[in-house]
Structures are given as structure tokens and as C-alpha cells.
Protein backbone atom coordinates (compact mmCIF):
# COMPACT_ATOMS: atom_id res chain seq x y z
CA MET A 1 0.00 0.00 0.00
CA ALA A 2 1.36 3.40 -0.96
CA LEU A 3 2.42 5.84 1.72
CA LEU A 4 -0.28 8.38 0.81
CA SER A 5 -2.98 5.71 1.00
CA ARG A 6 -1.77 4.69 4.45
CA LEU A 7 -1.68 8.30 5.59
CA GLU A 8 -5.22 8.88 4.31
CA MET A 9 -6.41 5.74 6.11
CA LEU A 10 -4.69 6.91 9.31
CA LYS A 11 -6.28 10.35 8.90
CA ASP A 12 -9.71 8.71 8.58
CA MET A 13 -9.14 6.61 11.69
CA VAL A 14 -8.01 9.63 13.74
CA GLN A 15 -10.91 11.72 12.46
CA GLU A 16 -13.41 9.00 13.38
CA ALA A 17 -11.84 8.56 16.82
CA ILE A 18 -12.06 12.30 17.51
CA ASP A 19 -15.69 12.38 16.38
CA LYS A 20 -16.68 9.39 18.53
CA GLY A 21 -14.64 10.72 21.45
CA ALA A 22 -16.32 14.12 21.27
CA THR A 23 -19.74 12.45 21.22
CA SER A 24 -18.88 10.28 24.23
CA VAL A 25 -17.52 13.21 26.22
CA GLU A 26 -20.59 15.27 25.29
CA GLU A 27 -22.90 12.57 26.64
CA VAL A 28 -20.95 12.40 29.91
CA HIS A 29 -20.85 16.20 30.15
CA LYS A 30 -24.63 16.41 29.68
CA ALA A 31 -25.25 13.62 32.19
CA ILE A 32 -23.20 15.47 34.79
CA ALA A 33 -24.94 18.77 33.96
CA ARG A 34 -28.36 17.13 34.53
CA ILE A 35 -27.54 16.11 38.10
CA PRO A 36 -28.23 19.50 39.76
CA PHE A 37 -31.59 19.70 37.97
CA GLU A 38 -32.55 16.20 39.11
CA VAL A 39 -31.53 16.97 42.70
CA ALA A 40 -33.40 20.28 42.67
CA ALA A 41 -36.49 18.62 41.21
CA ARG A 42 -36.46 15.87 43.86
CA SER A 43 -36.14 18.42 46.63
CA GLY A 44 -39.00 20.49 45.23
CA LEU A 45 -36.86 23.52 44.36
CA LEU A 46 -37.57 23.29 40.63
CA GLU A 47 -41.20 22.55 40.00
CA ASP A 48 -42.07 24.71 37.02
CA ASP A 49 -40.58 24.20 33.58
CA LEU A 50 -37.85 21.83 34.75
CA GLN A 51 -37.34 20.41 31.26
CA LYS A 52 -37.19 23.87 29.71
CA LYS A 53 -34.58 25.07 32.21
CA GLN A 54 -32.56 21.89 31.80
CA ASP A 55 -32.67 22.16 28.01
CA LEU A 56 -31.47 25.79 28.20
CA ALA A 57 -28.56 24.75 30.41
CA LEU A 58 -27.58 21.82 28.14
CA GLN A 59 -27.86 23.74 24.88
CA PRO A 60 -24.41 25.40 25.03
CA ILE A 61 -22.82 22.02 25.76
CA GLY A 62 -24.31 20.65 22.55
CA TYR A 63 -23.12 23.66 20.57
CA VAL A 64 -19.53 23.24 21.80
CA TYR A 65 -19.33 19.57 20.83
CA ASP A 66 -21.08 20.21 17.51
CA LYS A 67 -18.33 22.75 16.74
CA ILE A 68 -15.62 20.29 17.74
CA ARG A 69 -17.08 17.71 15.33
CA GLU A 70 -17.48 20.34 12.61
CA ILE A 71 -13.87 21.51 12.95
CA ASN A 72 -12.71 17.89 12.95
CA ARG A 73 -14.61 17.29 9.69
CA LEU A 74 -13.20 20.45 8.08
CA ILE A 75 -9.64 19.54 9.02
CA GLY A 76 -10.21 16.04 7.66
CA ASP A 77 -11.55 17.47 4.41
CA MET A 78 -8.52 19.76 4.12
CA ALA A 79 -6.14 16.86 4.72
CA SER A 80 -7.95 14.80 2.06
CA ASP A 81 -7.60 17.69 -0.38
CA VAL A 82 -3.86 17.86 0.34
CA PHE A 83 -3.48 14.10 -0.23
CA GLU A 84 -5.43 14.40 -3.48
CA ALA A 85 -3.28 17.32 -4.66
CA ILE A 86 -0.12 15.33 -3.92
CA GLU A 87 -1.46 12.32 -5.81
CA ASP A 88 -2.42 14.56 -8.76
CA ALA A 89 1.02 16.16 -8.76
CA LYS A 90 2.68 12.74 -8.76
CA HIS A 91 0.50 11.68 -11.70
CA VAL A 92 1.31 14.85 -13.64
CA ASP A 93 5.01 14.37 -12.91
CA ASN A 94 4.84 10.79 -14.18
CA VAL A 95 3.06 11.88 -17.36
CA ILE A 96 5.59 14.66 -17.97
CA LYS A 97 8.47 12.24 -17.44
CA GLU A 98 6.85 9.71 -19.75
CA LYS A 99 6.17 12.33 -22.45
CA GLY A 100 9.64 13.77 -22.01
CA LEU A 101 11.22 10.40 -22.58
CA ASP A 102 9.02 9.81 -25.63
CA ALA A 103 9.99 13.24 -27.03
CA LYS A 104 13.69 12.48 -26.48
CA ARG A 105 13.27 9.12 -28.27
CA GLU A 106 11.60 10.89 -31.20
CA GLU A 107 14.48 13.38 -31.34
CA VAL A 108 17.02 10.57 -31.30
CA ASP A 109 15.10 8.47 -33.84
CA GLY A 110 14.49 11.50 -36.06
CA SER A 111 18.14 12.52 -36.14
CA ARG A 112 19.35 9.13 -37.39
């Protein structure tokens, strides 16, 4: 397997791990953030609109982890673009070398 293919595969694995890790941490973060609301509800301190207040408190947490996943995706896309550009450049270089050799052969054959 070519080096670039391995690097792209590694990039995909890291990107997936970051995405799954961010989702796992987000779930733990939200579970911890719910605890004060549950305690307050059990003690009778939060009777009205408990779900609404809890949702408002959890919303920024979701936004943060959504941004982490979005940035992870954008960085992954940029890395894929770089790998693709390198592969394209290698292909162009090979074609130029091949055409250059053919042109030199024609020059040599034509001068005989």
C-alpha cells in the first residue's frame, strides 16, 4: 500500500476517533450537567418548567461539541484535499516524465 494511501487511512481513523470521542464526552458532560436539575427537582426547588430550564442549560454544551465535530470534519476534508493534490502532482510528474522520454526518443530516432 502506498504511503499516501496509508496516511489517508490513518487520517480517517483519527478523524473517526475524535468524532466518537467528542460524542462520548458530550454525553458524559450532559449527564453530569443534569444532576443538579434532578436533585433540585427531587427536593422540590424546581417545579415549574424543569425540562425547559434543563434544556437551556444543556444547549451550550451541545453547541460546543457540535463545533468540535465540525472543525474535525473540516480539518479532515482539508487533509484529504492535500493528499489528493499530492497524488495529482505525482501523476502529472509521471506523465511529464513519460512524455519527455518519448519526445527524447523521437528526437534521437528522427536525427538518425
